[in-house]
């Protein structure tokens, strides 16, 4: 199990660390500035940047084009 705790000040951090040490808990402490961006978030942001670049380049479907595409797809799947 993983739990993230963000303390508001140094006193709270010290109290929490003392509690963990005295309770014989196995824990890992990491500075907030050292936390890496999760892979899924990095990929999500990359996908958004790529989609935005495609839209800026005019590579997108209009609402009517999407509606027609979906309607045609339903017709084709109903034929089989």
PDB file of N, CA and C in Angstrom:
ATOM      1  N   UNK A   1       0.854  -1.173   0.000  1.00  0.00           N
ATOM      2  CA  UNK A   1       0.000   0.000   0.000  1.00  0.00           C
ATOM      3  C   UNK A   1       0.899   1.235   0.000  1.00  0.00           C
ATOM      4  N   UNK A   2       0.462   2.248  -0.712  1.00  0.00           N
ATOM      5  CA  UNK A   2       1.200   3.497  -0.769  1.00  0.00           C
ATOM      6  C   UNK A   2       0.309   4.621  -0.290  1.00  0.00           C
ATOM      7  N   UNK A   3       0.859   5.464   0.568  1.00  0.00           N
ATOM      8  CA  UNK A   3       0.139   6.628   1.080  1.00  0.00           C
ATOM      9  C   UNK A   3       1.042   7.838   0.922  1.00  0.00           C
ATOM     10  N   UNK A   4       0.509   8.897   0.339  1.00  0.00           N
ATOM     11  CA  UNK A   4       1.262  10.145   0.247  1.00  0.00           C
ATOM     12  C   UNK A   4       0.735  11.096   1.298  1.00  0.00           C
ATOM     13  N   UNK A   5       1.646  11.718   2.021  1.00  0.00           N
ATOM     14  CA  UNK A   5       1.273  12.690   3.046  1.00  0.00           C
ATOM     15  C   UNK A   5       2.069  13.961   2.787  1.00  0.00           C
ATOM     16  N   UNK A   6       1.363  15.085   2.735  1.00  0.00           N
ATOM     17  CA  UNK A   6       2.016  16.377   2.546  1.00  0.00           C
ATOM     18  C   UNK A   6       1.825  17.187   3.826  1.00  0.00           C
ATOM     19  N   UNK A   7       2.922  17.427   4.518  1.00  0.00           N
ATOM     20  CA  UNK A   7       2.847  18.190   5.755  1.00  0.00           C
ATOM     21  C   UNK A   7       2.893  19.680   5.440  1.00  0.00           C
ATOM     22  N   UNK A   8       2.389  20.471   6.377  1.00  0.00           N
ATOM     23  CA  UNK A   8       2.324  21.919   6.173  1.00  0.00           C
ATOM     24  C   UNK A   8       3.570  22.651   6.642  1.00  0.00           C
ATOM     25  N   UNK A   9       4.301  22.016   7.553  1.00  0.00           N
ATOM     26  CA  UNK A   9       5.505  22.681   8.055  1.00  0.00           C
ATOM     27  C   UNK A   9       6.494  21.639   8.568  1.00  0.00           C
ATOM     28  N   UNK A  10       7.655  22.104   8.940  1.00  0.00           N
ATOM     29  CA  UNK A  10       8.719  21.221   9.393  1.00  0.00           C
ATOM     30  C   UNK A  10       8.359  20.503  10.697  1.00  0.00           C
ATOM     31  N   UNK A  11       7.631  21.176  11.586  1.00  0.00           N
ATOM     32  CA  UNK A  11       7.222  20.573  12.856  1.00  0.00           C
ATOM     33  C   UNK A  11       6.318  19.363  12.615  1.00  0.00           C
ATOM     34  N   UNK A  12       5.342  19.495  11.708  1.00  0.00           N
ATOM     35  CA  UNK A  12       4.454  18.374  11.395  1.00  0.00           C
ATOM     36  C   UNK A  12       5.232  17.222  10.770  1.00  0.00           C
ATOM     37  N   UNK A  13       6.178  17.564   9.920  1.00  0.00           N
ATOM     38  CA  UNK A  13       6.991  16.531   9.282  1.00  0.00           C
ATOM     39  C   UNK A  13       7.794  15.760  10.324  1.00  0.00           C
ATOM     40  N   UNK A  14       8.392  16.476  11.258  1.00  0.00           N
ATOM     41  CA  UNK A  14       9.176  15.821  12.314  1.00  0.00           C
ATOM     42  C   UNK A  14       8.287  14.932  13.180  1.00  0.00           C
ATOM     43  N   UNK A  15       7.097  15.419  13.529  1.00  0.00           N
ATOM     44  CA  UNK A  15       6.180  14.631  14.349  1.00  0.00           C
ATOM     45  C   UNK A  15       5.764  13.351  13.621  1.00  0.00           C
ATOM     46  N   UNK A  16       5.481  13.453  12.337  1.00  0.00           N
ATOM     47  CA  UNK A  16       5.081  12.279  11.560  1.00  0.00           C
ATOM     48  C   UNK A  16       6.226  11.277  11.466  1.00  0.00           C
ATOM     49  N   UNK A  17       7.437  11.762  11.190  1.00  0.00           N
ATOM     50  CA  UNK A  17       8.585  10.869  11.103  1.00  0.00           C
ATOM     51  C   UNK A  17       8.867  10.188  12.438  1.00  0.00           C
ATOM     52  N   UNK A  18       8.727  10.913  13.530  1.00  0.00           N
ATOM     53  CA  UNK A  18       8.904  10.312  14.863  1.00  0.00           C
ATOM     54  C   UNK A  18       7.875   9.216  15.092  1.00  0.00           C
ATOM     55  N   UNK A  19       6.626   9.463  14.713  1.00  0.00           N
ATOM     56  CA  UNK A  19       5.561   8.473  14.864  1.00  0.00           C
ATOM     57  C   UNK A  19       5.894   7.205  14.072  1.00  0.00           C
ATOM     58  N   UNK A  20       6.337   7.380  12.844  1.00  0.00           N
ATOM     59  CA  UNK A  20       6.650   6.229  12.001  1.00  0.00           C
ATOM     60  C   UNK A  20       7.829   5.436  12.557  1.00  0.00           C
ATOM     61  N   UNK A  21       8.853   6.147  13.018  1.00  0.00           N
ATOM     62  CA  UNK A  21      10.027   5.471  13.579  1.00  0.00           C
ATOM     63  C   UNK A  21       9.659   4.710  14.846  1.00  0.00           C
ATOM     64  N   UNK A  22       8.913   5.344  15.752  1.00  0.00           N
ATOM     65  CA  UNK A  22       8.558   4.717  17.024  1.00  0.00           C
ATOM     66  C   UNK A  22       7.585   3.554  16.842  1.00  0.00           C
ATOM     67  N   UNK A  23       6.790   3.595  15.789  1.00  0.00           N
ATOM     68  CA  UNK A  23       5.838   2.517  15.532  1.00  0.00           C
ATOM     69  C   UNK A  23       6.429   1.397  14.699  1.00  0.00           C
ATOM     70  N   UNK A  24       7.714   1.491  14.415  1.00  0.00           N
ATOM     71  CA  UNK A  24       8.422   0.486  13.618  1.00  0.00           C
ATOM     72  C   UNK A  24       7.768   0.270  12.250  1.00  0.00           C
ATOM     73  N   UNK A  25       7.314   1.365  11.661  1.00  0.00           N
ATOM     74  CA  UNK A  25       6.741   1.291  10.317  1.00  0.00           C
ATOM     75  C   UNK A  25       7.851   1.362   9.283  1.00  0.00           C
ATOM     76  N   UNK A  26       7.687   0.634   8.214  1.00  0.00           N
ATOM     77  CA  UNK A  26       8.617   0.701   7.096  1.00  0.00           C
ATOM     78  C   UNK A  26       8.121   1.821   6.185  1.00  0.00           C
ATOM     79  N   UNK A  27       8.918   2.863   5.986  1.00  0.00           N
ATOM     80  CA  UNK A  27       8.478   4.003   5.186  1.00  0.00           C
ATOM     81  C   UNK A  27       9.624   4.521   4.342  1.00  0.00           C
ATOM     82  N   UNK A  28       9.264   5.287   3.341  1.00  0.00           N
ATOM     83  CA  UNK A  28      10.245   5.917   2.472  1.00  0.00           C
ATOM     84  C   UNK A  28       9.884   7.390   2.392  1.00  0.00           C
ATOM     85  N   UNK A  29      10.813   8.245   2.655  1.00  0.00           N
ATOM     86  CA  UNK A  29      10.586   9.681   2.632  1.00  0.00           C
ATOM     87  C   UNK A  29      11.174  10.255   1.348  1.00  0.00           C
ATOM     88  N   UNK A  30      10.400  11.096   0.677  1.00  0.00           N
ATOM     89  CA  UNK A  30      10.845  11.729  -0.562  1.00  0.00           C
ATOM     90  C   UNK A  30      10.469  13.198  -0.526  1.00  0.00           C
ATOM     91  N   UNK A  31      11.381  14.032  -0.930  1.00  0.00           N
ATOM     92  CA  UNK A  31      11.111  15.456  -1.030  1.00  0.00           C
ATOM     93  C   UNK A  31      10.158  15.691  -2.193  1.00  0.00           C
ATOM     94  N   UNK A  32       9.176  16.571  -2.037  1.00  0.00           N
ATOM     95  CA  UNK A  32       8.193  16.838  -3.084  1.00  0.00           C
ATOM     96  C   UNK A  32       8.866  17.229  -4.386  1.00  0.00           C
ATOM     97  N   UNK A  33       9.945  17.968  -4.321  1.00  0.00           N
ATOM     98  CA  UNK A  33      10.646  18.403  -5.526  1.00  0.00           C
ATOM     99  C   UNK A  33      11.318  17.248  -6.256  1.00  0.00           C
ATOM    100  N   UNK A  34      11.511  16.119  -5.550  1.00  0.00           N
ATOM    101  CA  UNK A  34      12.174  14.971  -6.146  1.00  0.00           C
ATOM    102  C   UNK A  34      11.187  14.007  -6.801  1.00  0.00           C
ATOM    103  N   UNK A  35       9.891  14.202  -6.606  1.00  0.00           N
ATOM    104  CA  UNK A  35       8.904  13.291  -7.162  1.00  0.00           C
ATOM    105  C   UNK A  35       8.898  13.387  -8.683  1.00  0.00           C
ATOM    106  N   UNK A  36       8.958  12.256  -9.316  1.00  0.00           N
ATOM    107  CA  UNK A  36       8.961  12.225 -10.780  1.00  0.00           C
ATOM    108  C   UNK A  36       7.525  12.233 -11.295  1.00  0.00           C
ATOM    109  N   UNK A  37       7.351  12.793 -12.469  1.00  0.00           N
ATOM    110  CA  UNK A  37       6.037  12.781 -13.104  1.00  0.00           C
ATOM    111  C   UNK A  37       5.726  11.339 -13.492  1.00  0.00           C
ATOM    112  N   UNK A  38       4.567  10.817 -13.093  1.00  0.00           N
ATOM    113  CA  UNK A  38       4.233   9.428 -13.438  1.00  0.00           C
ATOM    114  C   UNK A  38       4.198   9.221 -14.952  1.00  0.00           C
ATOM    115  N   UNK A  39       4.536   8.007 -15.388  1.00  0.00           N
ATOM    116  CA  UNK A  39       4.589   7.698 -16.816  1.00  0.00           C
ATOM    117  C   UNK A  39       3.257   7.965 -17.509  1.00  0.00           C
ATOM    118  N   UNK A  40       2.140   7.564 -16.852  1.00  0.00           N
ATOM    119  CA  UNK A  40       0.847   7.752 -17.499  1.00  0.00           C
ATOM    120  C   UNK A  40       0.545   9.234 -17.699  1.00  0.00           C
ATOM    121  N   UNK A  41       0.978  10.077 -16.772  1.00  0.00           N
ATOM    122  CA  UNK A  41       0.737  11.510 -16.897  1.00  0.00           C
ATOM    123  C   UNK A  41       1.625  12.111 -17.991  1.00  0.00           C
ATOM    124  N   UNK A  42       2.838  11.641 -18.065  1.00  0.00           N
ATOM    125  CA  UNK A  42       3.759  12.105 -19.105  1.00  0.00           C
ATOM    126  C   UNK A  42       3.187  11.754 -20.483  1.00  0.00           C
ATOM    127  N   UNK A  43       2.681  10.505 -20.642  1.00  0.00           N
ATOM    128  CA  UNK A  43       2.111  10.076 -21.915  1.00  0.00           C
ATOM    129  C   UNK A  43       0.844  10.854 -22.232  1.00  0.00           C
ATOM    130  N   UNK A  44       0.003  11.083 -21.220  1.00  0.00           N
ATOM    131  CA  UNK A  44      -1.237  11.841 -21.406  1.00  0.00           C
ATOM    132  C   UNK A  44      -0.934  13.256 -21.903  1.00  0.00           C
ATOM    133  N   UNK A  45       0.019  13.915 -21.279  1.00  0.00           N
ATOM    134  CA  UNK A  45       0.396  15.270 -21.691  1.00  0.00           C
ATOM    135  C   UNK A  45       0.988  15.275 -23.097  1.00  0.00           C
ATOM    136  N   UNK A  46       1.759  14.240 -23.438  1.00  0.00           N
ATOM    137  CA  UNK A  46       2.322  14.132 -24.780  1.00  0.00           C
ATOM    138  C   UNK A  46       1.198  13.982 -25.804  1.00  0.00           C
ATOM    139  N   UNK A  47       0.213  13.120 -25.494  1.00  0.00           N
ATOM    140  CA  UNK A  47      -0.926  12.926 -26.397  1.00  0.00           C
ATOM    141  C   UNK A  47      -1.702  14.223 -26.598  1.00  0.00           C
ATOM    142  N   UNK A  48      -1.894  14.967 -25.521  1.00  0.00           N
ATOM    143  CA  UNK A  48      -2.598  16.245 -25.639  1.00  0.00           C
ATOM    144  C   UNK A  48      -1.828  17.224 -26.519  1.00  0.00           C
ATOM    145  N   UNK A  49      -0.519  17.285 -26.335  1.00  0.00           N
ATOM    146  CA  UNK A  49       0.303  18.184 -27.152  1.00  0.00           C
ATOM    147  C   UNK A  49       0.231  17.802 -28.632  1.00  0.00           C
ATOM    148  N   UNK A  50       0.268  16.487 -28.907  1.00  0.00           N
ATOM    149  CA  UNK A  50       0.187  16.034 -30.294  1.00  0.00           C
ATOM    150  C   UNK A  50      -1.179  16.359 -30.895  1.00  0.00           C
ATOM    151  N   UNK A  51      -2.251  16.144 -30.127  1.00  0.00           N
ATOM    152  CA  UNK A  51      -3.597  16.437 -30.616  1.00  0.00           C
ATOM    153  C   UNK A  51      -3.756  17.927 -30.895  1.00  0.00           C
ATOM    154  N   UNK A  52      -3.214  18.746 -30.026  1.00  0.00           N
ATOM    155  CA  UNK A  52      -3.297  20.199 -30.211  1.00  0.00           C
ATOM    156  C   UNK A  52      -2.537  20.618 -31.470  1.00  0.00           C
ATOM    157  N   UNK A  53      -1.385  20.007 -31.698  1.00  0.00           N
ATOM    158  CA  UNK A  53      -0.603  20.325 -32.894  1.00  0.00           C
ATOM    159  C   UNK A  53      -1.361  19.916 -34.157  1.00  0.00           C
ATOM    160  N   UNK A  54      -2.043  18.766 -34.101  1.00  0.00           N
ATOM    161  CA  UNK A  54      -2.840  18.327 -35.252  1.00  0.00           C
ATOM    162  C   UNK A  54      -3.985  19.297 -35.521  1.00  0.00           C
ATOM    163  N   UNK A  55      -4.642  19.746 -34.480  1.00  0.00           N
ATOM    164  CA  UNK A  55      -5.747  20.697 -34.656  1.00  0.00           C
ATOM    165  C   UNK A  55      -5.239  22.015 -35.224  1.00  0.00           C
ATOM    166  N   UNK A  56      -4.097  22.478 -34.714  1.00  0.00           N
ATOM    167  CA  UNK A  56      -3.513  23.717 -35.221  1.00  0.00           C
ATOM    168  C   UNK A  56      -3.152  23.596 -36.695  1.00  0.00           C
ATOM    169  N   UNK A  57      -2.789  22.375 -37.120  1.00  0.00           N
ATOM    170  CA  UNK A  57      -2.427  22.138 -38.515  1.00  0.00           C
ATOM    171  C   UNK A  57      -3.660  21.887 -39.386  1.00  0.00           C
ATOM    172  N   UNK A  58      -4.855  21.896 -38.778  1.00  0.00           N
ATOM    173  CA  UNK A  58      -6.081  21.689 -39.533  1.00  0.00           C
ATOM    174  C   UNK A  58      -6.421  20.229 -39.771  1.00  0.00           C
ATOM    175  N   UNK A  59      -5.767  19.337 -39.048  1.00  0.00           N
ATOM    176  CA  UNK A  59      -6.006  17.898 -39.195  1.00  0.00           C
ATOM    177  C   UNK A  59      -7.043  17.447 -38.173  1.00  0.00           C
ATOM    178  N   UNK A  60      -8.297  17.640 -38.499  1.00  0.00           N
ATOM    179  CA  UNK A  60      -9.366  17.226 -37.598  1.00  0.00           C
ATOM    180  C   UNK A  60     -10.652  17.066 -38.393  1.00  0.00           C
ATOM    181  N   UNK A  61     -11.641  16.394 -37.782  1.00  0.00           N
ATOM    182  CA  UNK A  61     -12.957  16.218 -38.387  1.00  0.00           C
ATOM    183  C   UNK A  61     -13.930  17.199 -37.760  1.00  0.00           C
ATOM    184  N   UNK A  62     -14.843  17.700 -38.582  1.00  0.00           N
ATOM    185  CA  UNK A  62     -15.893  18.568 -38.037  1.00  0.00           C
ATOM    186  C   UNK A  62     -16.930  17.715 -37.331  1.00  0.00           C
ATOM    187  N   UNK A  63     -17.788  18.338 -36.591  1.00  0.00           N
ATOM    188  CA  UNK A  63     -18.846  17.624 -35.876  1.00  0.00           C
ATOM    189  C   UNK A  63     -19.727  16.848 -36.857  1.00  0.00           C
ATOM    190  N   UNK A  64     -20.097  17.471 -37.955  1.00  0.00           N
ATOM    191  CA  UNK A  64     -20.936  16.794 -38.953  1.00  0.00           C
ATOM    192  C   UNK A  64     -20.217  15.595 -39.573  1.00  0.00           C
ATOM    193  N   UNK A  65     -18.921  15.727 -39.815  1.00  0.00           N
ATOM    194  CA  UNK A  65     -18.161  14.599 -40.366  1.00  0.00           C
ATOM    195  C   UNK A  65     -18.138  13.414 -39.401  1.00  0.00           C
ATOM    196  N   UNK A  66     -18.003  13.689 -38.127  1.00  0.00           N
ATOM    197  CA  UNK A  66     -18.007  12.625 -37.121  1.00  0.00           C
ATOM    198  C   UNK A  66     -19.377  11.965 -37.062  1.00  0.00           C
ATOM    199  N   UNK A  67     -20.446  12.767 -37.077  1.00  0.00           N
ATOM    200  CA  UNK A  67     -21.796  12.203 -37.054  1.00  0.00           C
ATOM    201  C   UNK A  67     -22.028  11.293 -38.259  1.00  0.00           C
ATOM    202  N   UNK A  68     -21.624  11.740 -39.436  1.00  0.00           N
ATOM    203  CA  UNK A  68     -21.780  10.922 -40.642  1.00  0.00           C
ATOM    204  C   UNK A  68     -20.959   9.647 -40.557  1.00  0.00           C
ATOM    205  N   UNK A  69     -19.746   9.735 -40.083  1.00  0.00           N
ATOM    206  CA  UNK A  69     -18.883   8.568 -39.949  1.00  0.00           C
ATOM    207  C   UNK A  69     -19.520   7.530 -39.027  1.00  0.00           C
ATOM    208  N   UNK A  70     -20.020   7.987 -37.873  1.00  0.00           N
ATOM    209  CA  UNK A  70     -20.629   7.058 -36.924  1.00  0.00           C
ATOM    210  C   UNK A  70     -21.914   6.452 -37.484  1.00  0.00           C
ATOM    211  N   UNK A  71     -22.708   7.255 -38.175  1.00  0.00           N
ATOM    212  CA  UNK A  71     -23.940   6.740 -38.772  1.00  0.00           C
ATOM    213  C   UNK A  71     -23.619   5.680 -39.818  1.00  0.00           C
ATOM    214  N   UNK A  72     -22.624   5.926 -40.663  1.00  0.00           N
ATOM    215  CA  UNK A  72     -22.227   4.948 -41.679  1.00  0.00           C
ATOM    216  C   UNK A  72     -21.660   3.685 -41.051  1.00  0.00           C
ATOM    217  N   UNK A  73     -20.938   3.845 -39.975  1.00  0.00           N
ATOM    218  CA  UNK A  73     -20.367   2.680 -39.292  1.00  0.00           C
ATOM    219  C   UNK A  73     -21.465   1.797 -38.724  1.00  0.00           C
ATOM    220  N   UNK A  74     -22.506   2.425 -38.155  1.00  0.00           N
ATOM    221  CA  UNK A  74     -23.640   1.659 -37.623  1.00  0.00           C
ATOM    222  C   UNK A  74     -24.342   0.896 -38.759  1.00  0.00           C
ATOM    223  N   UNK A  75     -24.496   1.552 -39.896  1.00  0.00           N
ATOM    224  CA  UNK A  75     -25.152   0.906 -41.039  1.00  0.00           C
ATOM    225  C   UNK A  75     -24.346  -0.303 -41.494  1.00  0.00           C
ATOM    226  N   UNK A  76     -23.029  -0.130 -41.605  1.00  0.00           N
ATOM    227  CA  UNK A  76     -22.166  -1.232 -42.060  1.00  0.00           C
ATOM    228  C   UNK A  76     -22.189  -2.396 -41.089  1.00  0.00           C
ATOM    229  N   UNK A  77     -22.165  -2.108 -39.791  1.00  0.00           N
ATOM    230  CA  UNK A  77     -22.140  -3.200 -38.814  1.00  0.00           C
ATOM    231  C   UNK A  77     -23.493  -3.912 -38.757  1.00  0.00           C
ATOM    232  N   UNK A  78     -24.581  -3.226 -39.122  1.00  0.00           N
ATOM    233  CA  UNK A  78     -25.904  -3.833 -39.135  1.00  0.00           C
ATOM    234  C   UNK A  78     -26.109  -4.739 -40.325  1.00  0.00           C
ATOM    235  N   UNK A  79     -25.322  -4.559 -41.365  1.00  0.00           N
ATOM    236  CA  UNK A  79     -25.465  -5.364 -42.570  1.00  0.00           C
ATOM    237  C   UNK A  79     -24.896  -6.767 -42.377  1.00  0.00           C
ATOM    238  N   UNK A  80     -23.894  -6.911 -41.484  1.00  0.00           N
ATOM    239  CA  UNK A  80     -23.209  -8.205 -41.333  1.00  0.00           C
ATOM    240  C   UNK A  80     -23.943  -9.094 -40.474  1.00  0.00           C
TER     241      UNK A  80
END
